[in-house]
């Protein structure tokens, strides 16, 4: 099975702001990046497009699905990590001690009102199992966190929740 992992184009938010679950739209100048994603997915021959419900993922997913006449499956399990009280705050305004606790134990730590890395890993693992069960070449348009996990699972390695995410608009092709 071919799996295309696609990170949404750059969102319309100031750099340095934590926006995990916050529904931030795409930047106004994202049309060329979306066109590149459409072309890359078209060339791959996938039959299904999966998407996070966040508008920064869903907008390009709709364009891709329409362009290649593929089924679109919107799945809330593909949402970014919920950063709780950190959402909408500048990263440099988050207490250093809290960031250090997160870095020391990303699986167990959650910002107040947010979600642990283990919760992210668990829900994305269920998505991956659904993809394998379907057995259809597909594209997944999502966020840095879920894509890090999906990429690791597809490669058969342990997910690193603190690894750098794919760049905005990246299309990564994997075989499962």
N, C-alpha and C. Protein backbone atom coordinates (compact mmCIF):
# COMPACT_ATOMS: atom_id res chain seq x y z
N UNK A 1 0.84 -1.17 0.00
CA UNK A 1 0.00 0.00 0.00
C UNK A 1 0.89 1.24 0.00
N UNK A 2 0.55 2.19 -0.85
CA UNK A 2 1.26 3.47 -0.87
C UNK A 2 0.53 4.44 0.05
N UNK A 3 1.32 5.15 0.84
CA UNK A 3 0.80 6.13 1.78
C UNK A 3 1.50 7.45 1.52
N UNK A 4 0.73 8.47 1.16
CA UNK A 4 1.28 9.82 1.00
C UNK A 4 0.94 10.61 2.25
N UNK A 5 1.96 11.10 2.91
CA UNK A 5 1.76 11.96 4.07
C UNK A 5 1.94 13.40 3.61
N UNK A 6 0.92 14.21 3.82
CA UNK A 6 0.91 15.59 3.32
C UNK A 6 0.68 16.53 4.50
N UNK A 7 1.65 17.43 4.71
CA UNK A 7 1.43 18.46 5.74
C UNK A 7 0.75 19.65 5.08
N UNK A 8 -0.22 20.18 5.76
CA UNK A 8 -0.96 21.35 5.25
C UNK A 8 0.01 22.49 4.92
N UNK A 9 -0.38 23.38 4.02
CA UNK A 9 0.43 24.58 3.76
C UNK A 9 0.47 25.49 4.99
N UNK A 10 1.30 26.51 4.93
CA UNK A 10 1.47 27.42 6.07
C UNK A 10 0.14 28.08 6.46
N UNK A 11 -0.13 28.10 7.77
CA UNK A 11 -1.36 28.72 8.25
C UNK A 11 -1.21 30.23 8.39
N UNK A 12 -2.34 30.92 8.43
CA UNK A 12 -2.37 32.37 8.56
C UNK A 12 -2.30 32.75 10.04
N UNK A 13 -1.11 32.56 10.61
CA UNK A 13 -0.90 32.90 12.01
C UNK A 13 0.55 33.33 12.16
N UNK A 14 0.77 34.24 13.07
CA UNK A 14 2.13 34.73 13.32
C UNK A 14 3.04 33.59 13.77
N UNK A 15 4.26 33.59 13.27
CA UNK A 15 5.24 32.59 13.71
C UNK A 15 5.45 32.71 15.22
N UNK A 16 5.67 31.57 15.86
CA UNK A 16 5.93 31.56 17.29
C UNK A 16 4.71 31.41 18.16
N UNK A 17 3.54 31.22 17.54
CA UNK A 17 2.29 31.03 18.29
C UNK A 17 1.95 29.54 18.32
N UNK A 18 1.57 29.03 19.48
CA UNK A 18 1.11 27.65 19.61
C UNK A 18 -0.34 27.59 19.12
N UNK A 19 -0.61 26.73 18.14
CA UNK A 19 -1.96 26.70 17.56
C UNK A 19 -2.44 25.28 17.26
N UNK A 20 -1.97 24.28 17.97
CA UNK A 20 -2.32 22.89 17.71
C UNK A 20 -3.73 22.63 17.22
N UNK A 21 -4.70 22.68 18.11
CA UNK A 21 -6.10 22.41 17.75
C UNK A 21 -6.85 23.65 17.28
N UNK A 22 -6.26 24.82 17.46
CA UNK A 22 -6.93 26.04 17.03
C UNK A 22 -7.14 25.97 15.52
N UNK A 23 -8.34 26.28 15.08
CA UNK A 23 -8.65 26.18 13.65
C UNK A 23 -8.19 27.45 12.94
N UNK A 24 -6.97 27.42 12.46
CA UNK A 24 -6.36 28.55 11.77
C UNK A 24 -6.44 28.27 10.27
N UNK A 25 -6.95 29.23 9.48
CA UNK A 25 -7.03 29.01 8.03
C UNK A 25 -5.64 29.09 7.38
N UNK A 26 -5.59 28.75 6.11
CA UNK A 26 -4.35 28.86 5.35
C UNK A 26 -4.03 30.31 5.04
N UNK A 27 -2.75 30.59 4.82
CA UNK A 27 -2.35 31.92 4.37
C UNK A 27 -2.99 32.20 3.02
N UNK A 28 -3.24 33.45 2.74
CA UNK A 28 -3.89 33.85 1.49
C UNK A 28 -3.07 33.48 0.27
N UNK A 29 -1.76 33.37 0.43
CA UNK A 29 -0.88 33.07 -0.70
C UNK A 29 -0.56 31.58 -0.84
N UNK A 30 -1.44 30.72 -0.34
CA UNK A 30 -1.15 29.28 -0.34
C UNK A 30 -1.58 28.54 -1.60
N UNK A 31 -2.20 29.23 -2.55
CA UNK A 31 -2.76 28.53 -3.71
C UNK A 31 -1.71 27.77 -4.52
N UNK A 32 -0.50 28.30 -4.64
CA UNK A 32 0.52 27.58 -5.42
C UNK A 32 1.00 26.34 -4.68
N UNK A 33 1.04 26.40 -3.35
CA UNK A 33 1.43 25.22 -2.57
C UNK A 33 0.34 24.16 -2.68
N UNK A 34 -0.92 24.57 -2.60
CA UNK A 34 -2.03 23.63 -2.75
C UNK A 34 -1.99 23.01 -4.14
N UNK A 35 -1.71 23.80 -5.17
CA UNK A 35 -1.62 23.25 -6.53
C UNK A 35 -0.50 22.22 -6.63
N UNK A 36 0.61 22.47 -5.97
CA UNK A 36 1.70 21.48 -5.95
C UNK A 36 1.31 20.19 -5.25
N UNK A 37 0.56 20.31 -4.17
CA UNK A 37 0.06 19.13 -3.47
C UNK A 37 -0.89 18.35 -4.38
N UNK A 38 -1.80 19.05 -5.02
CA UNK A 38 -2.75 18.40 -5.93
C UNK A 38 -1.99 17.62 -7.00
N UNK A 39 -0.98 18.23 -7.58
CA UNK A 39 -0.22 17.58 -8.65
C UNK A 39 0.54 16.36 -8.14
N UNK A 40 1.17 16.48 -6.97
CA UNK A 40 1.91 15.35 -6.41
C UNK A 40 0.98 14.18 -6.10
N UNK A 41 -0.18 14.48 -5.55
CA UNK A 41 -1.13 13.41 -5.23
C UNK A 41 -1.70 12.81 -6.51
N UNK A 42 -2.00 13.65 -7.50
CA UNK A 42 -2.52 13.15 -8.78
C UNK A 42 -1.52 12.16 -9.40
N UNK A 43 -0.25 12.49 -9.39
CA UNK A 43 0.78 11.64 -9.99
C UNK A 43 0.94 10.31 -9.25
N UNK A 44 0.54 10.27 -7.97
CA UNK A 44 0.73 9.07 -7.17
C UNK A 44 -0.32 7.99 -7.47
N UNK A 45 -1.48 8.41 -7.95
CA UNK A 45 -2.54 7.45 -8.26
C UNK A 45 -3.32 6.95 -7.06
N UNK A 46 -3.29 7.67 -5.94
CA UNK A 46 -4.04 7.22 -4.76
C UNK A 46 -5.54 7.28 -5.02
N UNK A 47 -6.29 6.49 -4.25
CA UNK A 47 -7.73 6.42 -4.45
C UNK A 47 -8.57 7.06 -3.36
N UNK A 48 -7.94 7.37 -2.22
CA UNK A 48 -8.67 7.94 -1.09
C UNK A 48 -7.82 9.05 -0.48
N UNK A 49 -8.49 10.11 -0.06
CA UNK A 49 -7.84 11.21 0.63
C UNK A 49 -8.42 11.29 2.03
N UNK A 50 -7.56 11.18 3.03
CA UNK A 50 -7.95 11.32 4.43
C UNK A 50 -7.52 12.71 4.88
N UNK A 51 -8.31 13.33 5.78
CA UNK A 51 -7.97 14.67 6.24
C UNK A 51 -8.38 14.89 7.68
N UNK A 52 -7.58 15.70 8.35
CA UNK A 52 -7.98 16.28 9.62
C UNK A 52 -9.15 17.22 9.34
N UNK A 53 -10.05 17.42 10.31
CA UNK A 53 -11.15 18.36 10.09
C UNK A 53 -10.74 19.83 10.16
N UNK A 54 -9.52 20.13 10.58
CA UNK A 54 -9.08 21.53 10.65
C UNK A 54 -9.08 22.14 9.25
N UNK A 55 -9.54 23.37 9.14
CA UNK A 55 -9.69 24.00 7.82
C UNK A 55 -8.37 24.08 7.06
N UNK A 56 -7.24 24.20 7.76
CA UNK A 56 -5.95 24.28 7.06
C UNK A 56 -5.58 22.95 6.39
N UNK A 57 -6.23 21.88 6.78
CA UNK A 57 -6.05 20.57 6.12
C UNK A 57 -7.21 20.28 5.17
N UNK A 58 -8.40 20.58 5.63
CA UNK A 58 -9.59 20.22 4.88
C UNK A 58 -9.71 20.99 3.56
N UNK A 59 -9.30 22.25 3.55
CA UNK A 59 -9.38 23.03 2.30
C UNK A 59 -8.53 22.39 1.19
N UNK A 60 -7.25 22.10 1.44
CA UNK A 60 -6.50 21.43 0.37
C UNK A 60 -6.98 20.01 0.11
N UNK A 61 -7.46 19.30 1.14
CA UNK A 61 -7.95 17.94 0.94
C UNK A 61 -9.15 17.92 0.00
N UNK A 62 -10.02 18.89 0.14
CA UNK A 62 -11.18 18.97 -0.76
C UNK A 62 -10.73 19.21 -2.19
N UNK A 63 -9.75 20.10 -2.36
CA UNK A 63 -9.24 20.36 -3.72
C UNK A 63 -8.60 19.12 -4.32
N UNK A 64 -7.80 18.42 -3.52
CA UNK A 64 -7.14 17.20 -4.00
C UNK A 64 -8.18 16.16 -4.38
N UNK A 65 -9.13 15.89 -3.48
CA UNK A 65 -10.13 14.86 -3.74
C UNK A 65 -10.95 15.19 -5.00
N UNK A 66 -11.31 16.45 -5.16
CA UNK A 66 -12.08 16.85 -6.34
C UNK A 66 -11.24 16.69 -7.61
N UNK A 67 -9.98 17.09 -7.54
CA UNK A 67 -9.12 17.04 -8.72
C UNK A 67 -8.86 15.62 -9.20
N UNK A 68 -8.75 14.68 -8.26
CA UNK A 68 -8.45 13.30 -8.65
C UNK A 68 -9.67 12.40 -8.57
N UNK A 69 -10.81 12.98 -8.28
CA UNK A 69 -12.07 12.25 -8.16
C UNK A 69 -11.94 11.08 -7.19
N UNK A 70 -11.42 11.41 -6.01
CA UNK A 70 -11.22 10.40 -4.97
C UNK A 70 -12.19 10.64 -3.82
N UNK A 71 -12.42 9.59 -3.07
CA UNK A 71 -13.22 9.69 -1.85
C UNK A 71 -12.46 10.52 -0.83
N UNK A 72 -13.17 11.40 -0.11
CA UNK A 72 -12.58 12.19 0.97
C UNK A 72 -13.13 11.67 2.30
N UNK A 73 -12.22 11.30 3.19
CA UNK A 73 -12.61 10.84 4.53
C UNK A 73 -12.04 11.82 5.55
N UNK A 74 -12.91 12.52 6.24
CA UNK A 74 -12.50 13.47 7.27
C UNK A 74 -12.53 12.73 8.60
N UNK A 75 -11.39 12.74 9.31
CA UNK A 75 -11.27 11.92 10.51
C UNK A 75 -10.69 12.76 11.65
N UNK A 76 -11.45 12.95 12.72
CA UNK A 76 -10.96 13.76 13.84
C UNK A 76 -9.73 13.18 14.53
N UNK A 77 -9.45 11.91 14.33
CA UNK A 77 -8.25 11.32 14.92
C UNK A 77 -6.98 11.90 14.31
N UNK A 78 -7.11 12.58 13.17
CA UNK A 78 -5.96 13.19 12.49
C UNK A 78 -5.70 14.62 12.94
N UNK A 79 -6.41 15.10 13.95
CA UNK A 79 -6.19 16.45 14.47
C UNK A 79 -4.82 16.54 15.15
N UNK A 80 -4.33 17.76 15.21
CA UNK A 80 -3.06 18.00 15.89
C UNK A 80 -3.23 17.80 17.39
N UNK A 81 -2.11 17.68 18.08
CA UNK A 81 -2.10 17.57 19.54
C UNK A 81 -2.86 18.74 20.13
N UNK A 82 -3.65 18.50 21.15
CA UNK A 82 -4.37 19.54 21.86
C UNK A 82 -3.43 20.10 22.93
N UNK A 83 -3.02 21.36 22.73
CA UNK A 83 -2.08 21.99 23.66
C UNK A 83 -2.78 22.71 24.80
N UNK A 84 -4.09 22.54 24.93
CA UNK A 84 -4.81 23.07 26.08
C UNK A 84 -4.55 24.55 26.32
N UNK A 85 -4.09 24.89 27.53
CA UNK A 85 -3.87 26.28 27.94
C UNK A 85 -2.80 26.98 27.11
N UNK A 86 -1.98 26.23 26.40
CA UNK A 86 -0.93 26.84 25.58
C UNK A 86 -1.47 27.35 24.24
N UNK A 87 -2.64 26.88 23.83
CA UNK A 87 -3.21 27.27 22.53
C UNK A 87 -3.36 28.79 22.44
N UNK A 88 -2.88 29.35 21.35
CA UNK A 88 -3.01 30.78 21.10
C UNK A 88 -1.96 31.63 21.80
N UNK A 89 -1.11 31.01 22.58
CA UNK A 89 -0.04 31.75 23.29
C UNK A 89 1.25 31.67 22.50
N UNK A 90 2.09 32.65 22.70
CA UNK A 90 3.44 32.59 22.12
C UNK A 90 4.22 31.49 22.84
N UNK A 91 4.99 30.73 22.08
CA UNK A 91 5.81 29.68 22.70
C UNK A 91 6.74 30.26 23.75
N UNK A 92 7.27 31.46 23.50
CA UNK A 92 8.20 32.05 24.46
C UNK A 92 7.50 32.59 25.70
N UNK A 93 6.16 32.55 25.73
CA UNK A 93 5.40 32.95 26.92
C UNK A 93 5.00 31.75 27.78
N UNK A 94 5.24 30.55 27.26
CA UNK A 94 4.95 29.33 28.04
C UNK A 94 6.08 29.15 29.06
N UNK A 95 5.72 28.85 30.28
CA UNK A 95 6.72 28.70 31.34
C UNK A 95 7.81 27.71 30.95
N UNK A 96 9.05 28.12 31.12
CA UNK A 96 10.19 27.27 30.76
C UNK A 96 10.12 25.92 31.48
N UNK A 97 9.69 25.93 32.74
CA UNK A 97 9.59 24.68 33.49
C UNK A 97 8.59 23.72 32.85
N UNK A 98 7.48 24.26 32.34
CA UNK A 98 6.48 23.42 31.68
C UNK A 98 7.04 22.85 30.37
N UNK A 99 7.73 23.67 29.59
CA UNK A 99 8.35 23.18 28.35
C UNK A 99 9.38 22.10 28.65
N UNK A 100 10.15 22.28 29.72
CA UNK A 100 11.15 21.28 30.10
C UNK A 100 10.48 19.97 30.53
N UNK A 101 9.37 20.07 31.26
CA UNK A 101 8.64 18.85 31.67
C UNK A 101 8.11 18.12 30.45
N UNK A 102 7.60 18.87 29.48
CA UNK A 102 7.09 18.27 28.23
C UNK A 102 8.22 17.59 27.47
N UNK A 103 9.35 18.28 27.34
CA UNK A 103 10.49 17.71 26.61
C UNK A 103 11.04 16.47 27.31
N UNK A 104 10.99 16.45 28.62
CA UNK A 104 11.51 15.31 29.37
C UNK A 104 10.60 14.08 29.28
N UNK A 105 9.31 14.31 29.09
CA UNK A 105 8.36 13.19 29.07
C UNK A 105 7.16 13.51 28.18
N UNK A 106 7.38 13.58 26.85
CA UNK A 106 6.27 13.97 25.97
C UNK A 106 5.12 12.97 25.94
N UNK A 107 5.36 11.73 26.32
CA UNK A 107 4.27 10.76 26.33
C UNK A 107 3.29 11.01 27.47
N UNK A 108 3.80 11.42 28.62
CA UNK A 108 2.95 11.55 29.81
C UNK A 108 2.51 12.97 30.12
N UNK A 109 3.30 13.96 29.71
CA UNK A 109 2.98 15.34 30.06
C UNK A 109 1.91 15.91 29.14
N UNK A 110 1.01 16.70 29.73
CA UNK A 110 0.02 17.44 28.95
C UNK A 110 -0.09 18.84 29.54
N UNK A 111 -0.14 19.85 28.67
CA UNK A 111 -0.43 21.19 29.19
C UNK A 111 -1.81 21.17 29.84
N UNK A 112 -2.05 22.07 30.78
CA UNK A 112 -3.35 22.11 31.47
C UNK A 112 -4.48 22.15 30.43
N UNK A 113 -5.39 21.18 30.53
CA UNK A 113 -6.52 21.11 29.63
C UNK A 113 -6.20 20.50 28.27
N UNK A 114 -4.96 20.07 28.09
CA UNK A 114 -4.55 19.52 26.80
C UNK A 114 -4.44 18.02 26.82
N UNK A 115 -3.68 17.50 25.88
CA UNK A 115 -3.59 16.06 25.70
C UNK A 115 -2.14 15.60 25.78
N UNK A 116 -1.94 14.41 26.27
CA UNK A 116 -0.59 13.85 26.34
C UNK A 116 -0.15 13.34 24.97
N UNK A 117 1.15 13.17 24.84
CA UNK A 117 1.68 12.57 23.63
C UNK A 117 1.18 11.14 23.45
N UNK A 118 0.97 10.44 24.58
CA UNK A 118 0.45 9.07 24.50
C UNK A 118 -0.94 9.07 23.89
N UNK A 119 -1.76 10.05 24.24
CA UNK A 119 -3.10 10.13 23.65
C UNK A 119 -3.01 10.36 22.14
N UNK A 120 -2.10 11.24 21.72
CA UNK A 120 -1.89 11.47 20.28
C UNK A 120 -1.43 10.17 19.61
N UNK A 121 -0.44 9.54 20.18
CA UNK A 121 0.09 8.30 19.63
C UNK A 121 -0.99 7.23 19.53
N UNK A 122 -1.80 7.09 20.54
CA UNK A 122 -2.86 6.08 20.56
C UNK A 122 -3.88 6.33 19.47
N UNK A 123 -4.35 7.58 19.34
CA UNK A 123 -5.39 7.83 18.33
C UNK A 123 -4.84 7.74 16.91
N UNK A 124 -3.59 8.17 16.71
CA UNK A 124 -3.01 8.09 15.37
C UNK A 124 -2.69 6.64 15.02
N UNK A 125 -2.33 5.85 16.00
CA UNK A 125 -2.10 4.42 15.74
C UNK A 125 -3.40 3.76 15.26
N UNK A 126 -4.56 4.17 15.80
CA UNK A 126 -5.82 3.59 15.33
C UNK A 126 -6.12 4.03 13.89
N UNK A 127 -5.73 5.24 13.52
CA UNK A 127 -5.88 5.67 12.13
C UNK A 127 -5.01 4.80 11.23
N UNK A 128 -3.77 4.58 11.63
CA UNK A 128 -2.85 3.77 10.84
C UNK A 128 -3.41 2.36 10.64
N UNK A 129 -3.97 1.80 11.69
CA UNK A 129 -4.58 0.47 11.58
C UNK A 129 -5.76 0.50 10.60
N UNK A 130 -6.53 1.58 10.62
CA UNK A 130 -7.64 1.72 9.66
C UNK A 130 -7.13 1.80 8.23
N UNK A 131 -6.04 2.53 8.03
CA UNK A 131 -5.45 2.64 6.69
C UNK A 131 -4.97 1.28 6.19
N UNK A 132 -4.29 0.55 7.07
CA UNK A 132 -3.80 -0.78 6.68
C UNK A 132 -4.95 -1.73 6.38
N UNK A 133 -5.98 -1.68 7.20
CA UNK A 133 -7.14 -2.54 7.00
C UNK A 133 -7.82 -2.24 5.67
N UNK A 134 -7.93 -0.97 5.32
CA UNK A 134 -8.54 -0.59 4.04
C UNK A 134 -7.67 -1.06 2.87
N UNK A 135 -6.35 -1.02 3.05
CA UNK A 135 -5.43 -1.53 2.03
C UNK A 135 -5.46 -0.79 0.71
N UNK A 136 -5.88 0.47 0.71
CA UNK A 136 -6.00 1.26 -0.51
C UNK A 136 -4.94 2.36 -0.49
N UNK A 137 -4.26 2.56 -1.62
CA UNK A 137 -3.32 3.67 -1.70
C UNK A 137 -4.04 4.95 -1.33
N UNK A 138 -3.44 5.75 -0.44
CA UNK A 138 -4.15 6.93 0.04
C UNK A 138 -3.20 8.07 0.37
N UNK A 139 -3.77 9.26 0.45
CA UNK A 139 -3.07 10.45 0.92
C UNK A 139 -3.70 10.86 2.24
N UNK A 140 -2.87 11.28 3.19
CA UNK A 140 -3.34 11.76 4.48
C UNK A 140 -2.86 13.20 4.62
N UNK A 141 -3.80 14.12 4.71
CA UNK A 141 -3.46 15.54 4.86
C UNK A 141 -3.73 15.92 6.30
N UNK A 142 -2.64 16.25 7.00
CA UNK A 142 -2.77 16.45 8.44
C UNK A 142 -1.70 17.44 8.92
N UNK A 143 -1.35 17.30 10.18
CA UNK A 143 -0.48 18.22 10.90
C UNK A 143 0.85 17.54 11.26
N UNK A 144 1.79 18.34 11.73
CA UNK A 144 3.11 17.82 12.07
C UNK A 144 3.09 16.66 13.04
N UNK A 145 2.34 16.77 14.13
CA UNK A 145 2.31 15.70 15.14
C UNK A 145 1.80 14.38 14.60
N UNK A 146 0.59 14.35 14.06
CA UNK A 146 0.08 13.08 13.52
C UNK A 146 0.94 12.53 12.38
N UNK A 147 1.51 13.40 11.55
CA UNK A 147 2.33 12.91 10.44
C UNK A 147 3.64 12.30 10.93
N UNK A 148 4.23 12.87 12.00
CA UNK A 148 5.43 12.26 12.59
C UNK A 148 5.11 10.83 13.03
N UNK A 149 3.96 10.67 13.69
CA UNK A 149 3.57 9.35 14.20
C UNK A 149 3.29 8.40 13.03
N UNK A 150 2.49 8.83 12.06
CA UNK A 150 2.17 7.97 10.92
C UNK A 150 3.43 7.57 10.16
N UNK A 151 4.33 8.50 9.95
CA UNK A 151 5.57 8.20 9.24
C UNK A 151 6.40 7.15 9.97
N UNK A 152 6.50 7.28 11.28
CA UNK A 152 7.26 6.30 12.06
C UNK A 152 6.60 4.93 12.02
N UNK A 153 5.28 4.90 12.18
CA UNK A 153 4.57 3.62 12.13
C UNK A 153 4.74 2.95 10.77
N UNK A 154 4.65 3.73 9.71
CA UNK A 154 4.81 3.17 8.36
C UNK A 154 6.22 2.63 8.13
N UNK A 155 7.19 3.25 8.77
CA UNK A 155 8.59 2.81 8.63
C UNK A 155 8.94 1.71 9.62
N UNK A 156 8.04 1.43 10.57
CA UNK A 156 8.30 0.40 11.57
C UNK A 156 9.27 0.82 12.65
N UNK A 157 9.32 2.14 12.94
CA UNK A 157 10.21 2.64 13.98
C UNK A 157 9.38 3.32 15.08
N UNK A 158 10.01 3.52 16.22
CA UNK A 158 9.33 4.17 17.34
C UNK A 158 9.14 5.65 17.03
N UNK A 159 7.92 6.16 17.17
CA UNK A 159 7.68 7.58 16.91
C UNK A 159 8.44 8.47 17.90
N UNK A 160 9.03 9.53 17.39
CA UNK A 160 9.69 10.55 18.20
C UNK A 160 8.80 11.77 18.19
N UNK A 161 8.09 11.99 19.27
CA UNK A 161 7.11 13.07 19.32
C UNK A 161 7.74 14.45 19.28
N UNK A 162 9.03 14.54 19.54
CA UNK A 162 9.69 15.84 19.55
C UNK A 162 10.55 16.07 18.30
N UNK A 163 10.50 15.15 17.35
CA UNK A 163 11.25 15.32 16.10
C UNK A 163 10.67 16.48 15.31
N UNK A 164 11.47 17.04 14.43
CA UNK A 164 10.97 18.13 13.58
C UNK A 164 9.87 17.60 12.68
N UNK A 165 8.82 18.40 12.49
CA UNK A 165 7.74 17.98 11.59
C UNK A 165 8.16 18.16 10.14
N UNK A 166 7.44 17.52 9.22
CA UNK A 166 7.70 17.80 7.80
C UNK A 166 7.42 19.28 7.52
N UNK A 167 8.07 19.86 6.52
CA UNK A 167 7.79 21.26 6.19
C UNK A 167 6.35 21.45 5.72
N UNK A 168 5.86 22.67 5.83
CA UNK A 168 4.52 22.98 5.33
C UNK A 168 4.45 22.63 3.85
N UNK A 169 3.37 21.95 3.47
CA UNK A 169 3.16 21.59 2.06
C UNK A 169 3.95 20.37 1.59
N UNK A 170 4.69 19.74 2.48
CA UNK A 170 5.49 18.57 2.11
C UNK A 170 4.58 17.39 1.76
N UNK A 171 5.04 16.60 0.78
CA UNK A 171 4.36 15.36 0.39
C UNK A 171 5.41 14.25 0.49
N UNK A 172 5.19 13.31 1.38
CA UNK A 172 6.13 12.22 1.63
C UNK A 172 5.46 10.91 1.22
N UNK A 173 6.11 10.17 0.34
CA UNK A 173 5.56 8.92 -0.16
C UNK A 173 6.23 7.75 0.56
N UNK A 174 5.40 6.86 1.11
CA UNK A 174 5.89 5.68 1.83
C UNK A 174 5.16 4.44 1.34
N UNK A 175 5.81 3.31 1.47
CA UNK A 175 5.19 2.01 1.20
C UNK A 175 4.97 1.30 2.53
N UNK A 176 3.77 0.74 2.71
CA UNK A 176 3.44 0.03 3.95
C UNK A 176 3.26 -1.44 3.64
